[in-house]
Amino acid sequence: MYRHVVLFRVRDDVTDPNVSRAIDLLRGLGDQPGVTAWDIALSLDTRKGRVIVEDGTFADAAAFAAWRVSADHVRVAEHVASLADWIVGDWERS
């Protein structure tokens, strides 16, 4: 199993409707082959601003690699990059 967790720190000038749109787009990425669990949420902790949490599990590293280069992921990643900076944590579990 391959885990992929991203914390998107939304820029302060981004409007709430644009944050909601980004969350909707990110949620749509969980319907792709190889994704075994997918959760997107706005963090309840706002001390550092608005943070979108992406928590994904993939069947294996190959499934993640295929998902990462998919046209849908590339499109959504470009959109979210215009709104936020991010930190990624990826690891494999046996």
Protein backbone atom coordinates (compact mmCIF):
# COMPACT_ATOMS: atom_id res chain seq x y z
CA MET A 1 0.00 0.00 0.00
CA TYR A 2 1.21 3.50 -0.84
CA ARG A 3 0.17 6.53 1.24
CA HIS A 4 0.05 10.07 -0.10
CA VAL A 5 -0.78 12.99 2.20
CA VAL A 6 -0.72 16.63 1.11
CA LEU A 7 -1.35 19.77 3.14
CA PHE A 8 -2.28 22.72 0.92
CA ARG A 9 -1.83 26.08 2.67
CA VAL A 10 -4.29 28.33 0.84
CA ARG A 11 -3.02 31.83 0.15
CA ASP A 12 -4.76 34.52 2.22
CA ASP A 13 -6.14 36.40 -0.81
CA VAL A 14 -8.02 33.36 -2.17
CA THR A 15 -11.79 33.65 -1.81
CA ASP A 16 -13.91 31.03 -0.05
CA PRO A 17 -15.72 30.03 -3.28
CA ASN A 18 -12.34 29.33 -4.89
CA VAL A 19 -11.35 27.18 -1.91
CA SER A 20 -14.61 25.24 -2.24
CA ARG A 21 -13.97 24.74 -5.96
CA ALA A 22 -10.45 23.43 -5.25
CA ILE A 23 -11.84 20.98 -2.69
CA ASP A 24 -14.41 19.73 -5.22
CA LEU A 25 -11.72 19.26 -7.87
CA LEU A 26 -9.46 17.41 -5.44
CA ARG A 27 -12.31 15.13 -4.36
CA GLY A 28 -12.80 14.10 -7.97
CA LEU A 29 -9.28 12.69 -8.12
CA GLY A 30 -10.23 9.83 -5.81
CA ASP A 31 -12.29 8.08 -8.49
CA GLN A 32 -9.28 6.95 -10.51
CA PRO A 33 -7.92 3.40 -10.86
CA GLY A 34 -5.54 2.30 -8.11
CA VAL A 35 -6.97 4.65 -5.46
CA THR A 36 -8.17 2.53 -2.54
CA ALA A 37 -9.04 5.33 -0.09
CA TRP A 38 -9.42 9.07 -0.64
CA ASP A 39 -10.36 11.91 1.69
CA ILE A 40 -10.27 15.67 1.16
CA ALA A 41 -11.19 18.11 3.93
CA LEU A 42 -10.66 21.65 5.09
CA SER A 43 -8.64 21.51 8.30
CA LEU A 44 -10.49 22.46 11.45
CA ASP A 45 -7.31 24.06 12.80
CA THR A 46 -7.03 27.56 11.28
CA ARG A 47 -4.14 28.89 13.37
CA LYS A 48 -1.90 28.91 10.28
CA GLY A 49 -4.67 29.89 7.87
CA ARG A 50 -6.84 27.72 5.67
CA VAL A 51 -5.37 24.29 4.96
CA ILE A 52 -6.85 21.70 2.64
CA VAL A 53 -5.93 18.14 3.66
CA GLU A 54 -5.57 15.43 1.00
CA ASP A 55 -5.23 11.90 2.38
CA GLY A 56 -4.92 9.15 -0.21
CA THR A 57 -4.08 5.48 -0.25
CA PHE A 58 -3.06 3.63 -3.41
CA ALA A 59 -2.78 -0.07 -4.15
CA ASP A 60 0.97 0.30 -4.63
CA ALA A 61 3.69 2.67 -5.84
CA ALA A 62 2.94 1.86 -9.48
CA ALA A 63 -0.70 2.87 -9.05
CA PHE A 64 0.40 6.13 -7.45
CA ALA A 65 2.91 6.80 -10.25
CA ALA A 66 0.20 6.30 -12.88
CA TRP A 67 -2.25 8.51 -10.99
CA ARG A 68 0.34 11.26 -10.56
CA VAL A 69 0.88 11.67 -14.32
CA SER A 70 -2.79 11.29 -15.27
CA ALA A 71 -4.31 14.19 -17.20
CA ASP A 72 -6.89 14.77 -14.44
CA HIS A 73 -4.25 15.02 -11.71
CA VAL A 74 -2.04 17.32 -13.77
CA ARG A 75 -4.99 19.63 -14.51
CA VAL A 76 -6.16 19.79 -10.88
CA ALA A 77 -2.60 20.18 -9.55
CA GLU A 78 -2.02 23.17 -11.83
CA HIS A 79 -5.25 24.77 -10.63
CA VAL A 80 -4.54 24.21 -6.93
CA ALA A 81 -0.96 25.45 -7.37
CA SER A 82 -2.43 28.81 -8.38
CA LEU A 83 -4.19 29.02 -4.98
CA ALA A 84 -1.90 27.34 -2.47
CA ASP A 85 1.52 26.11 -1.47
CA TRP A 86 1.86 22.54 -0.24
CA ILE A 87 3.80 19.97 1.72
CA VAL A 88 3.73 16.31 0.65
CA GLY A 89 4.27 13.17 2.67
CA ASP A 90 4.52 9.86 0.76
CA TRP A 91 5.43 6.44 2.13
CA GLU A 92 4.95 2.75 1.49
CA ARG A 93 3.50 0.20 3.86
CA SER A 94 3.96 -3.50 3.44
